[in-house]
Amino acid sequence: MFLINGQWQDALPANDRAIQFGDGCFTTASVIDGAVRFQADHLRRLQQACEVLMIAPVDWDRLNDEMSMLAASETSAVLKVIISRGTGGRGYSASNCTQPTRMLSLSPYPAFYSAWREQGIRLALSPVRIGINPSLAGLKHLNRLEQVLIRTHLEQTTAQEALVLDSQGAWWNAVRLIYSGAKAMTFTHRVFTARA
């Protein structure tokens, strides 16, 4: 079941643009001891994506409350929040889409993460490359076919995760910040590992 626009449901309408075009954004957050970790940051990520994608205004206070409500009774879980442009007519035009869809779901926190943290993981270099699109860079939009292909190829190996290059063969084009427990580190062209 999913909390869709404040109602428990098990499906989206077939004309929702999330289904038709992957037209929306998402964030995935860990829930620990009844609270969404970095909740304000996750909301900010969604707000920025909605602005770039020009999605009609979302009731952010309501979404914040829904996130808190779902997390409240959970000890350890994963919360996924999806915002789509909503339902609309046929074709790419979004002019009739005035009410975004909010969709929230909880799932168990993956048990294998603890083992990965203690024992490490095997990496594979993915044969699938990520396209470069400056308009969508940094957005967690709903079109994730590259990631689906990466995972499909990865499942044919013995590795747990994949290293992915962009379409020009670059590892990273900008300095990124990686968080590992209480530690933070920046890198450009190197892979770092750390024990939390």
Protein backbone atom coordinates (compact mmCIF):
# COMPACT_ATOMS: atom_id res chain seq x y z
CA MET A 1 0.00 0.00 0.00
CA PHE A 2 1.06 3.55 -0.71
CA LEU A 3 0.00 6.84 0.82
CA ILE A 4 -1.13 8.67 -2.33
CA ASN A 5 -2.29 12.25 -1.83
CA GLY A 6 -3.08 11.44 1.79
CA GLN A 7 -5.10 8.27 1.06
CA TRP A 8 -3.97 4.66 1.38
CA GLN A 9 -4.15 3.10 -2.08
CA ASP A 10 -2.44 0.35 -4.01
CA ALA A 11 -2.29 1.91 -7.49
CA LEU A 12 -1.90 5.16 -9.43
CA PRO A 13 -4.33 6.14 -12.20
CA ALA A 14 -3.04 4.97 -15.58
CA ASN A 15 -3.03 8.57 -16.84
CA ASP A 16 -0.67 9.79 -14.09
CA ARG A 17 2.37 11.27 -15.78
CA ALA A 18 4.67 9.20 -13.56
CA ILE A 19 3.41 6.17 -15.49
CA GLN A 20 3.03 7.83 -18.88
CA PHE A 21 6.36 9.69 -19.03
CA GLY A 22 8.35 9.20 -15.83
CA ASP A 23 7.41 12.84 -15.20
CA GLY A 24 8.35 13.54 -11.62
CA CYS A 25 11.02 13.20 -8.97
CA PHE A 26 11.78 11.15 -5.88
CA THR A 27 13.93 10.81 -2.82
CA THR A 28 14.72 7.82 -0.64
CA ALA A 29 15.45 8.32 3.05
CA SER A 30 16.40 6.13 5.96
CA VAL A 31 14.12 6.07 8.98
CA ILE A 32 15.73 5.43 12.35
CA ASP A 33 13.95 5.41 15.70
CA GLY A 34 10.79 7.04 14.38
CA ALA A 35 12.45 9.89 12.49
CA VAL A 36 13.40 10.51 8.87
CA ARG A 37 17.14 11.13 8.70
CA PHE A 38 17.93 14.46 7.06
CA GLN A 39 14.24 15.12 6.45
CA ALA A 40 14.69 18.82 5.68
CA ASP A 41 17.41 17.98 3.14
CA HIS A 42 15.16 15.43 1.43
CA LEU A 43 12.35 17.99 1.21
CA ARG A 44 14.76 20.57 -0.18
CA ARG A 45 15.94 18.06 -2.82
CA LEU A 46 12.32 17.49 -3.88
CA GLN A 47 11.58 21.23 -3.94
CA GLN A 48 14.60 21.93 -6.15
CA ALA A 49 13.67 19.11 -8.53
CA CYS A 50 10.06 20.33 -8.77
CA GLU A 51 11.28 23.84 -9.56
CA VAL A 52 13.59 22.62 -12.33
CA LEU A 53 10.90 20.30 -13.75
CA MET A 54 8.33 23.12 -13.45
CA ILE A 55 5.89 20.96 -11.50
CA ALA A 56 2.93 22.87 -10.02
CA PRO A 57 3.26 23.86 -6.34
CA VAL A 58 3.24 21.02 -3.83
CA ASP A 59 1.85 21.36 -0.30
CA TRP A 60 5.26 20.98 1.35
CA ASP A 61 3.93 21.28 4.91
CA ARG A 62 1.50 18.44 4.28
CA LEU A 63 4.24 16.32 2.68
CA ASN A 64 6.52 17.01 5.65
CA ASP A 65 3.73 15.88 8.02
CA GLU A 66 3.08 12.74 5.95
CA MET A 67 6.77 11.83 6.06
CA SER A 68 6.86 12.28 9.83
CA MET A 69 3.63 10.33 10.31
CA LEU A 70 4.87 7.32 8.34
CA ALA A 71 8.23 7.31 10.12
CA ALA A 72 6.85 7.72 13.64
CA SER A 73 6.23 4.04 14.39
CA GLU A 74 9.29 2.66 12.58
CA THR A 75 12.53 1.59 14.24
CA SER A 76 14.48 0.99 11.05
CA ALA A 77 13.00 1.45 7.57
CA VAL A 78 13.36 3.09 4.18
CA LEU A 79 10.94 5.84 3.14
CA LYS A 80 10.47 6.60 -0.54
CA VAL A 81 8.73 9.81 -1.58
CA ILE A 82 7.63 10.32 -5.17
CA ILE A 83 6.15 13.48 -6.64
CA SER A 84 4.66 13.28 -10.12
CA ARG A 85 3.25 16.10 -12.18
CA GLY A 86 -0.14 14.41 -11.65
CA THR A 87 -2.76 13.32 -14.13
CA GLY A 88 -3.16 14.97 -17.48
CA GLY A 89 -4.33 14.61 -21.02
CA ARG A 90 -2.66 12.82 -23.85
CA GLY A 91 0.71 13.99 -25.16
CA TYR A 92 3.72 15.71 -23.67
CA SER A 93 2.05 19.03 -22.83
CA ALA A 94 1.76 19.57 -19.09
CA SER A 95 -0.62 22.53 -19.38
CA ASN A 96 -3.56 20.60 -17.86
CA CYS A 97 -1.52 19.30 -14.92
CA THR A 98 -2.25 21.55 -11.96
CA GLN A 99 -2.30 19.05 -9.07
CA PRO A 100 0.89 17.06 -8.41
CA THR A 101 0.63 13.54 -7.00
CA ARG A 102 2.37 12.75 -3.70
CA MET A 103 3.20 9.08 -3.15
CA LEU A 104 4.93 7.74 -0.05
CA SER A 105 5.89 4.18 0.86
CA LEU A 106 7.86 2.37 3.54
CA SER A 107 9.97 -0.75 3.17
CA PRO A 108 12.24 -2.64 5.57
CA TYR A 109 15.80 -1.40 5.91
CA PRO A 110 18.00 -3.87 3.97
CA ALA A 111 19.65 -6.27 6.42
CA PHE A 112 22.67 -6.79 4.16
CA TYR A 113 23.84 -3.19 4.61
CA SER A 114 25.31 -4.05 8.02
CA ALA A 115 27.33 -6.91 6.53
CA TRP A 116 28.48 -4.68 3.68
CA ARG A 117 29.64 -2.06 6.16
CA GLU A 118 31.62 -4.63 8.16
CA GLN A 119 32.96 -6.85 5.37
CA GLY A 120 33.11 -4.49 2.41
CA ILE A 121 31.70 -5.13 -1.06
CA ARG A 122 32.85 -6.27 -4.47
CA LEU A 123 32.63 -3.68 -7.24
CA ALA A 124 32.27 -4.15 -10.98
CA LEU A 125 32.78 -1.59 -13.72
CA SER A 126 29.43 -1.21 -15.46
CA PRO A 127 29.30 -1.51 -19.25
CA VAL A 128 26.34 0.90 -19.14
CA ARG A 129 27.28 4.57 -19.17
CA ILE A 130 25.26 7.46 -17.77
CA GLY A 131 24.21 10.11 -20.28
CA ILE A 132 25.08 13.75 -19.72
CA ASN A 133 22.12 16.11 -19.67
CA PRO A 134 22.82 19.47 -18.01
CA SER A 135 19.09 20.20 -17.69
CA LEU A 136 18.56 17.14 -15.48
CA ALA A 137 21.97 16.88 -13.79
CA GLY A 138 21.65 16.22 -10.09
CA LEU A 139 17.91 15.53 -10.18
CA LYS A 140 16.45 12.27 -8.93
CA HIS A 141 13.83 12.22 -11.68
CA LEU A 142 11.57 9.26 -12.40
CA ASN A 143 13.28 8.23 -15.65
CA ARG A 144 15.75 5.67 -14.30
CA LEU A 145 16.23 3.33 -17.27
CA GLU A 146 20.02 3.74 -17.18
CA GLN A 147 20.04 2.64 -13.55
CA VAL A 148 17.75 -0.31 -14.36
CA LEU A 149 20.19 -1.43 -17.07
CA ILE A 150 23.15 -0.95 -14.71
CA ARG A 151 21.46 -3.15 -12.08
CA THR A 152 20.49 -5.76 -14.70
CA HIS A 153 24.12 -6.06 -15.84
CA LEU A 154 25.35 -6.06 -12.23
CA GLU A 155 23.08 -8.99 -11.35
CA GLN A 156 24.98 -11.06 -13.93
CA THR A 157 28.20 -10.64 -11.89
CA THR A 158 29.28 -11.55 -8.36
CA ALA A 159 29.67 -7.88 -7.39
CA GLN A 160 27.28 -6.04 -5.09
CA GLU A 161 27.67 -2.57 -6.59
CA ALA A 162 28.86 -1.00 -9.84
CA LEU A 163 31.20 1.82 -10.70
CA VAL A 164 29.61 3.84 -13.48
CA LEU A 165 31.21 6.21 -15.96
CA ASP A 166 29.45 8.94 -17.89
CA SER A 167 28.98 8.75 -21.65
CA GLN A 168 32.38 10.38 -22.20
CA GLY A 169 34.21 7.93 -19.95
CA ALA A 170 34.70 10.32 -17.04
CA TRP A 171 34.47 9.03 -13.49
CA TRP A 172 33.28 12.33 -11.96
CA ASN A 173 33.04 15.74 -13.57
CA ALA A 174 32.81 17.65 -10.32
CA VAL A 175 33.96 17.24 -6.76
CA ARG A 176 31.39 15.28 -4.81
CA LEU A 177 30.94 14.92 -1.07
CA ILE A 178 30.57 11.40 0.29
CA TYR A 179 29.15 10.78 3.76
CA SER A 180 30.11 7.69 5.71
CA GLY A 181 28.66 7.71 9.19
CA ALA A 182 29.99 10.77 10.95
CA LYS A 183 32.82 11.13 8.45
CA ALA A 184 32.78 13.18 5.27
CA MET A 185 35.32 13.25 2.49
CA THR A 186 35.64 14.82 -0.91
CA PHE A 187 37.16 13.26 -3.96
CA THR A 188 37.58 13.86 -7.65
CA HIS A 189 39.20 10.92 -9.45
CA ARG A 190 39.81 8.43 -6.66
CA VAL A 191 37.72 5.89 -4.83
CA PHE A 192 37.89 6.04 -1.05
CA THR A 193 36.69 3.52 1.48
CA ALA A 194 36.11 4.18 5.14
CA ARG A 195 34.87 2.29 8.14
CA ALA A 196 32.07 4.12 9.95
